[in-house]
Structure formats: C-alpha cells, structure tokens
Amino acid sequence: MNKLVKIAFVFLVSITSIQAQNSQKAKALLDEVSAKVKSYENIVIDFKYALNNQKENINQESKGNVALQGNLYNLNFMGVTKIFDGKKVYTIVPEDEEISISKYDENDKDAVTPNKMLTFFNSGYKYNWDILQNIKGRKIQYVKLNPISSKDQRKEILIGVDVQTKNIYNLIEIGKNGTRTTLTVNSFKTNQPLSKNHFTFAESKYPNYYINRLD
C-alpha cells in the first residue's frame, strides 16, 4: 500500500467514524425528546402548519391546536375536530354538519395520528446531526432523518429540538415531489388541568348533524 493510498484509507475511515458518531448523537437527542414526552401527564400544543410546492405554485398556511394524553387526542385543524377516546375516532366537520365515527386500528402502523407526531421518529430512519440555529434567542438543534423504506414518499425530515427544554420546536418534511411541509410549535404546555371529558365525544352536542358510523 503506497503512501497516497494509506492517506486516502485513513481519511475514509475517519469520515465513516465521524458519520457514525453523528448518527449516534442524533439518535440520542431524539431519545431524550421521546423520554421527555412520555414523562408528561398531558401535552397541549398550538401550532402553525405550512405547505409549499414551488413547482405547483402551492402555498398554504393554517393554524391548529391539539391536546395529547397517552394515546388519546383532541385535535382542531382546518375547521375540523378529531377526537380519539381510546377506542374510536370521531371526525367532526361543522361546515357540513357531519360526523364520522370509525374504529381505531392499532395494527395500522402507517396511520398518521397526532399522538405519533412526537414519537414517529423512533424507528425506520437513518439519523444525521444537522445545523444549530438561533431562533428568537432559542438554540434549535436540527436532526435530519432519511426514511429507510424506498416506498416512503418523503425524501427527508428535519426535526428542530430546543436544546434547553428538549422539546420539539418544528418539523420539516421534504417530499420526493418537491412538496415542503412545516409544522411549527407556537406554544407547548404540559400537565394542564384538562376536563375529564376532554377526550370524550358527546353526541348530544350535535343534534342536527348527520352521523356516519364506519365502525
């Protein structure tokens, strides 16, 4: 092995080692985020959602809020309320005066639900340590995720973590088709005094609604 080949070999080994360390560091940070989420009795989040696709000239923004308690959730987004009481999902659409009731399929691992928003990254991705940004006086460390499955329509996902609180600040998904969606947390409150019925659907509140029972 000549000197030039040796140098190149050492360089490649060093790069591989650094990448492995960065991957471990990124996963460790997300593990901290997951542990923090699990330590709360409940979480209430106000968020902003933006969807952009320059090629298709699409720019959409909306706000929403969600309350999470274990697997239970109460989500208000784009004029629609979704409640999961542990057994069924209730989708309430005031504009159409319609309610859909469906059974929750715990075996559907691909189902996108609000309670997965803070833990979806635990498996199925390659992890990379990304940039550190100062946003309004807060240090936000980004971790880049690349889906392992080739069927995943997302090219990459960036998770911004508040270095001090270890809570998620934002999520940026970049699709293979160029679509970029950004969810930014405006407020993150924990252990709130929620009512006992916060995750319960009361049919009596919607006397004139059409109810579509899918269960």
Protein backbone atom coordinates (compact mmCIF):
# COMPACT_ATOMS: atom_id res chain seq x y z
CA MET A 1 0.00 0.00 0.00
CA ASN A 2 1.65 3.24 -1.10
CA LYS A 3 1.60 6.43 0.97
CA LEU A 4 -1.19 8.10 -1.02
CA VAL A 5 -3.48 5.05 -0.69
CA LYS A 6 -2.76 4.89 3.05
CA ILE A 7 -3.73 8.55 3.48
CA ALA A 8 -6.93 8.03 1.48
CA PHE A 9 -7.77 4.92 3.54
CA VAL A 10 -7.23 6.74 6.86
CA PHE A 11 -9.33 9.66 5.60
CA LEU A 12 -12.23 7.37 4.63
CA VAL A 13 -12.09 5.54 7.95
CA SER A 14 -12.13 8.89 9.79
CA ILE A 15 -15.12 10.14 7.78
CA THR A 16 -17.04 6.91 8.41
CA SER A 17 -16.27 7.13 12.14
CA ILE A 18 -17.44 10.75 12.33
CA GLN A 19 -20.66 9.89 10.48
CA ALA A 20 -21.34 7.02 12.88
CA GLN A 21 -20.75 9.28 15.88
CA ASN A 22 -23.04 11.96 14.43
CA SER A 23 -25.74 9.36 13.81
CA GLN A 24 -25.49 8.09 17.39
CA LYS A 25 -25.57 11.65 18.74
CA ALA A 26 -28.64 12.47 16.66
CA LYS A 27 -30.50 9.33 17.81
CA ALA A 28 -29.54 10.03 21.43
CA LEU A 29 -31.06 13.52 21.24
CA LEU A 30 -34.32 12.16 19.83
CA ASP A 31 -34.37 9.50 22.54
CA GLU A 32 -34.22 12.34 25.08
CA VAL A 33 -37.16 14.02 23.34
CA SER A 34 -39.19 10.77 23.49
CA ALA A 35 -38.39 10.24 27.17
CA LYS A 36 -39.45 13.81 27.94
CA VAL A 37 -42.75 13.36 26.07
CA LYS A 38 -43.53 10.17 28.00
CA SER A 39 -42.87 11.90 31.33
CA TYR A 40 -45.76 14.36 30.90
CA GLU A 41 -49.29 13.63 32.05
CA ASN A 42 -50.62 15.55 29.06
CA ILE A 43 -49.44 18.00 26.40
CA VAL A 44 -51.30 20.91 24.79
CA ILE A 45 -49.81 22.36 21.62
CA ASP A 46 -50.73 25.36 19.47
CA PHE A 47 -49.09 25.07 16.07
CA LYS A 48 -48.75 26.61 12.62
CA TYR A 49 -48.78 24.42 9.51
CA ALA A 50 -47.40 25.48 6.14
CA LEU A 51 -47.40 23.57 2.85
CA ASN A 52 -45.32 24.76 -0.11
CA ASN A 53 -44.63 23.43 -3.57
CA GLN A 54 -42.98 26.00 -5.85
CA LYS A 55 -43.34 23.80 -8.94
CA GLU A 56 -47.10 23.51 -8.45
CA ASN A 57 -47.37 27.09 -7.13
CA ILE A 58 -48.97 25.90 -3.89
CA ASN A 59 -48.66 27.94 -0.70
CA GLN A 60 -50.99 27.15 2.17
CA GLU A 61 -50.89 28.13 5.82
CA SER A 62 -53.17 27.26 8.70
CA LYS A 63 -53.16 27.08 12.47
CA GLY A 64 -54.35 24.43 14.85
CA ASN A 65 -54.16 23.01 18.35
CA VAL A 66 -54.03 19.56 19.85
CA ALA A 67 -54.26 18.05 23.34
CA LEU A 68 -52.50 14.74 23.90
CA GLN A 69 -52.74 12.33 26.82
CA GLY A 70 -51.13 8.97 26.22
CA ASN A 71 -52.79 7.67 23.05
CA LEU A 72 -55.79 9.96 23.44
CA TYR A 73 -56.06 13.18 21.48
CA ASN A 74 -58.32 16.11 20.69
CA LEU A 75 -57.25 17.89 17.51
CA ASN A 76 -58.64 21.09 15.95
CA PHE A 77 -57.24 21.77 12.50
CA MET A 78 -58.55 23.44 9.33
CA GLY A 79 -62.07 23.69 10.72
CA VAL A 80 -62.26 20.01 11.63
CA THR A 81 -62.16 18.41 15.10
CA LYS A 82 -60.84 14.88 15.60
CA ILE A 83 -61.21 13.09 18.93
CA PHE A 84 -59.78 9.72 19.86
CA ASP A 85 -61.14 8.26 23.10
CA GLY A 86 -59.00 5.13 23.10
CA LYS A 87 -61.42 3.03 21.04
CA LYS A 88 -62.93 5.15 18.30
CA VAL A 89 -62.01 8.19 16.20
CA TYR A 90 -64.63 10.92 15.88
CA THR A 91 -64.24 13.37 12.99
CA ILE A 92 -66.47 16.42 13.38
CA VAL A 93 -66.98 18.74 10.38
CA PRO A 94 -69.13 21.74 11.39
CA GLU A 95 -69.18 23.18 7.85
CA ASP A 96 -71.01 20.09 6.57
CA GLU A 97 -72.73 19.31 9.89
CA GLU A 98 -71.38 15.80 9.60
CA ILE A 99 -69.64 13.41 11.97
CA SER A 100 -67.77 10.25 11.04
CA ILE A 101 -67.17 7.57 13.66
CA SER A 102 -64.58 4.89 12.93
CA LYS A 103 -62.87 2.15 14.87
CA TYR A 104 -59.18 2.62 15.64
CA ASP A 105 -56.95 0.01 14.06
CA GLU A 106 -53.97 -0.44 16.40
CA ASN A 107 -52.30 -2.71 13.84
CA ASP A 108 -52.16 0.02 11.21
CA LYS A 109 -48.59 1.18 11.74
CA ASP A 110 -48.78 3.60 8.81
CA ALA A 111 -51.73 5.52 10.22
CA VAL A 112 -50.86 9.17 10.80
CA THR A 113 -52.22 10.29 14.18
CA PRO A 114 -51.48 13.35 16.34
CA ASN A 115 -50.03 11.27 19.17
CA LYS A 116 -47.39 9.92 16.79
CA MET A 117 -46.20 13.41 15.97
CA LEU A 118 -43.79 13.45 18.91
CA THR A 119 -42.59 9.84 18.64
CA PHE A 120 -42.80 8.77 14.97
CA PHE A 121 -39.03 9.12 14.59
CA ASN A 122 -38.13 6.27 16.96
CA SER A 123 -37.56 3.78 14.14
CA GLY A 124 -37.45 3.45 10.37
CA TYR A 125 -34.92 6.19 9.67
CA LYS A 126 -31.25 6.95 9.24
CA TYR A 127 -30.21 9.72 11.62
CA ASN A 128 -27.85 12.62 10.94
CA TRP A 129 -26.71 15.51 13.14
CA ASP A 130 -27.56 18.75 11.32
CA ILE A 131 -27.24 22.50 11.88
CA LEU A 132 -27.71 24.51 15.09
CA GLN A 133 -29.80 27.65 14.68
CA ASN A 134 -30.53 30.57 16.97
CA ILE A 135 -34.24 31.34 16.59
CA LYS A 136 -35.56 34.25 18.64
CA GLY A 137 -32.95 33.61 21.34
CA ARG A 138 -33.58 29.85 21.44
CA LYS A 139 -30.96 27.35 20.34
CA ILE A 140 -32.60 24.87 17.97
CA GLN A 141 -30.60 21.76 17.06
CA TYR A 142 -31.72 20.01 13.90
CA VAL A 143 -31.63 16.28 13.29
CA LYS A 144 -32.07 15.04 9.72
CA LEU A 145 -33.98 11.82 9.11
CA ASN A 146 -33.83 9.84 5.89
CA PRO A 147 -36.54 7.15 5.57
CA ILE A 148 -35.14 3.64 5.18
CA SER A 149 -38.10 2.41 3.11
CA SER A 150 -37.85 3.24 -0.60
CA LYS A 151 -41.68 3.36 -0.67
CA ASP A 152 -41.70 6.40 1.63
CA GLN A 153 -42.69 9.48 -0.37
CA ARG A 154 -40.64 11.72 1.89
CA LYS A 155 -37.09 12.50 0.83
CA GLU A 156 -36.01 13.76 4.25
CA ILE A 157 -37.34 15.12 7.52
CA LEU A 158 -35.76 17.76 9.72
CA ILE A 159 -36.66 17.87 13.40
CA GLY A 160 -35.77 21.03 15.29
CA VAL A 161 -35.21 20.40 19.00
CA ASP A 162 -34.98 23.13 21.64
CA VAL A 163 -31.58 22.44 23.21
CA GLN A 164 -32.67 23.70 26.64
CA THR A 165 -36.09 22.09 27.02
CA LYS A 166 -35.56 19.03 24.76
CA ASN A 167 -38.99 19.70 23.26
CA ILE A 168 -39.68 19.78 19.52
CA TYR A 169 -39.76 23.28 18.01
CA ASN A 170 -40.62 22.32 14.45
CA LEU A 171 -40.87 19.52 11.90
CA ILE A 172 -39.96 19.99 8.25
CA GLU A 173 -40.85 17.29 5.73
CA ILE A 174 -39.49 17.43 2.20
CA GLY A 175 -41.25 15.15 -0.26
CA LYS A 176 -39.75 13.47 -3.30
CA ASN A 177 -42.16 15.54 -5.40
CA GLY A 178 -40.75 18.81 -4.02
CA THR A 179 -43.54 19.46 -1.51
CA ARG A 180 -42.29 21.00 1.74
CA THR A 181 -44.47 20.93 4.84
CA THR A 182 -43.50 22.72 8.03
CA LEU A 183 -45.16 22.35 11.41
CA THR A 184 -44.01 24.97 13.92
CA VAL A 185 -44.91 24.78 17.60
CA ASN A 186 -46.13 28.18 18.82
CA SER A 187 -46.78 27.04 22.37
CA PHE A 188 -46.01 23.80 24.19
CA LYS A 189 -47.77 23.37 27.53
CA THR A 190 -47.63 20.32 29.75
CA ASN A 191 -49.61 18.82 32.62
CA GLN A 192 -52.63 21.05 32.04
CA PRO A 193 -55.86 20.82 34.09
CA LEU A 194 -57.95 19.22 31.33
CA SER A 195 -61.56 18.23 31.99
CA LYS A 196 -62.45 14.55 32.35
CA ASN A 197 -64.50 14.79 29.15
CA HIS A 198 -61.82 16.44 27.04
CA PHE A 199 -61.23 13.23 25.08
CA THR A 200 -64.86 12.12 25.07
CA PHE A 201 -67.34 12.55 22.23
CA ALA A 202 -70.82 13.70 23.30
CA GLU A 203 -73.38 13.03 20.57
CA SER A 204 -75.95 15.19 22.34
CA LYS A 205 -73.92 18.30 21.46
CA TYR A 206 -74.64 17.78 17.76
CA PRO A 207 -78.43 17.20 17.47
CA ASN A 208 -78.73 18.22 13.80
CA TYR A 209 -75.57 16.54 12.50
CA TYR A 210 -75.56 13.60 10.14
CA ILE A 211 -73.59 10.78 11.75
CA ASN A 212 -71.74 8.37 9.50
CA ARG A 213 -70.88 5.28 11.51
CA LEU A 214 -67.99 3.48 9.85
CA ASP A 215 -67.44 1.02 12.71
